[in-house]
Protein backbone atom coordinates (compact mmCIF):
# COMPACT_ATOMS: atom_id res chain seq x y z
CA MET A 1 169.63 120.97 60.18
CA ARG A 2 166.71 118.76 59.17
CA SER A 3 167.08 116.27 56.39
CA ALA A 4 164.37 115.97 53.76
CA PRO A 5 161.44 113.79 54.84
CA SER A 6 161.45 110.26 53.47
CA ALA A 7 158.76 108.98 51.12
CA LEU A 8 157.23 107.00 53.98
CA GLU A 9 157.05 110.10 56.21
CA LEU A 10 155.37 112.07 53.42
CA GLU A 11 152.89 109.24 52.77
CA ILE A 12 152.02 108.99 56.47
CA HIS A 13 151.59 112.78 56.71
CA ASP A 14 149.27 112.76 53.68
CA GLU A 15 147.18 109.90 55.07
CA ILE A 16 146.81 111.66 58.43
CA ALA A 17 145.75 114.89 56.69
CA GLU A 18 143.21 112.98 54.59
CA GLY A 19 141.78 111.22 57.66
CA GLU A 20 141.47 114.50 59.58
CA SER A 21 139.68 116.24 56.73
CA PRO A 22 136.11 117.29 57.65
CA ASN A 23 135.00 116.21 54.17
CA HIS A 24 136.03 112.59 54.72
CA PRO A 25 132.93 110.37 54.18
CA ILE A 26 133.21 108.69 57.57
CA ARG A 27 133.50 112.05 59.34
CA ARG A 28 130.42 113.36 57.49
CA TRP A 29 128.47 110.22 58.45
CA LEU A 30 129.50 110.52 62.11
CA ALA A 31 128.65 114.24 62.12
CA GLY A 32 125.16 113.39 60.87
CA ILE A 33 124.66 110.86 63.67
CA ARG A 34 125.96 113.37 66.22
CA GLU A 35 123.47 116.00 64.98
CA LYS A 36 120.59 113.56 65.48
CA VAL A 37 121.79 112.74 69.01
CA ALA A 38 122.15 116.46 69.85
CA GLN A 39 118.49 117.06 69.00
CA ARG A 40 117.35 114.94 71.97
CA PRO A 41 118.60 116.33 75.32
CA HIS A 42 118.35 113.08 77.31
CA VAL A 43 120.06 111.05 74.62
CA ASN A 44 122.71 113.78 74.28
CA LEU A 45 123.46 113.67 78.02
CA ALA A 46 123.66 109.87 78.00
CA TYR A 47 125.94 109.99 74.96
CA ARG A 48 128.30 112.51 76.61
CA ILE A 49 128.44 110.42 79.79
CA LEU A 50 129.18 107.30 77.73
CA VAL A 51 131.95 109.06 75.79
CA ALA A 52 133.46 110.48 79.02
CA THR A 53 133.40 107.09 80.72
CA LEU A 54 134.80 105.18 77.76
CA GLY A 55 137.50 107.75 77.05
CA THR A 56 138.55 107.91 80.70
CA ILE A 57 138.78 104.12 80.94
CA ILE A 58 140.91 103.97 77.79
CA VAL A 59 143.24 106.73 79.10
CA LEU A 60 143.59 105.00 82.48
CA VAL A 61 144.37 101.64 80.87
CA GLY A 62 146.98 103.38 78.70
CA ILE A 63 148.55 105.04 81.75
CA VAL A 64 148.78 101.67 83.50
CA LEU A 65 150.44 100.18 80.40
CA ILE A 66 153.02 102.96 79.91
CA PRO A 67 155.77 101.29 81.98
CA LEU A 68 155.09 97.90 80.43
CA PRO A 69 156.26 96.82 77.00
CA GLY A 70 153.62 97.64 74.45
CA PRO A 71 151.53 100.52 73.16
CA GLY A 72 150.86 102.39 76.42
CA TRP A 73 151.21 105.90 74.99
CA LEU A 74 149.27 104.94 71.88
CA ILE A 75 146.36 103.84 74.07
CA VAL A 76 146.53 107.09 76.07
CA PHE A 77 146.34 109.09 72.82
CA LEU A 78 143.46 106.93 71.62
CA GLY A 79 141.56 107.67 74.85
CA LEU A 80 142.24 111.39 74.44
CA ALA A 81 140.95 111.18 70.87
CA VAL A 82 137.74 109.57 72.14
CA LEU A 83 137.36 112.29 74.78
CA GLY A 84 138.18 114.92 72.15
CA THR A 85 135.10 114.02 70.16
CA GLU A 86 132.97 115.65 72.89
CA PHE A 87 135.20 117.79 75.07
CA HIS A 88 137.13 120.86 73.94
CA TRP A 89 139.81 120.51 76.64
CA ALA A 90 140.67 117.02 75.34
CA ARG A 91 140.93 118.34 71.76
CA ARG A 92 143.33 121.06 72.94
CA LEU A 93 145.35 118.49 74.86
CA MET A 94 145.55 116.28 71.75
CA VAL A 95 146.76 119.22 69.62
CA PHE A 96 149.42 119.96 72.25
CA ALA A 97 150.44 116.28 72.39
CA LYS A 98 150.67 116.04 68.59
CA ARG A 99 152.83 119.17 68.49
CA GLN A 100 155.14 117.84 71.21
CA LEU A 101 155.37 114.46 69.49
CA SER A 102 156.23 116.15 66.21
CA ARG A 103 158.96 118.20 67.93
CA PHE A 104 160.31 115.06 69.59
CA TRP A 105 160.53 113.16 66.29
CA ALA A 106 162.26 116.13 64.62
CA TRP A 107 164.79 116.21 67.49
CA TRP A 108 165.23 112.43 67.34
CA ASN A 109 165.83 112.41 63.58
CA ALA A 110 168.31 115.30 63.86
CA ARG A 111 170.12 113.46 66.65
CA ARG A 112 170.34 110.30 64.56
CA ALA A 113 171.61 112.29 61.59
CA ARG A 114 174.31 113.93 63.74
CA ARG A 115 175.40 110.55 65.11
CA ALA A 116 175.52 109.05 61.62
CA ALA A 117 177.61 112.00 60.40
CA ARG A 118 180.06 111.57 63.29
CA VAL A 119 180.50 107.84 62.60
CA GLU A 120 181.36 108.41 58.93
């Protein structure tokens, strides 16, 4: 039994959907830059290597930070997002991670609601 989402949850969901929209001005601007890079094979290869290196470093730093207090998982997801801009496997992994995170939060909220109902 899932309770109705709060106003904050709805606002966050709307902002995420707006940011992921392909018609967002920043996404259109970045797509234009990416098209120009793709037209030059050597620049395209260098760009893909740069993205792979940067994304991998960010993921590895996030993995190192997971057991420490702080945003370890957030940094891992950020690295996957960077990798996902160029690599299909990273995009699929991010979709899977988002789905699992959504399921976890639904379970967590249901658990909290059950505990609150037992206390009352």
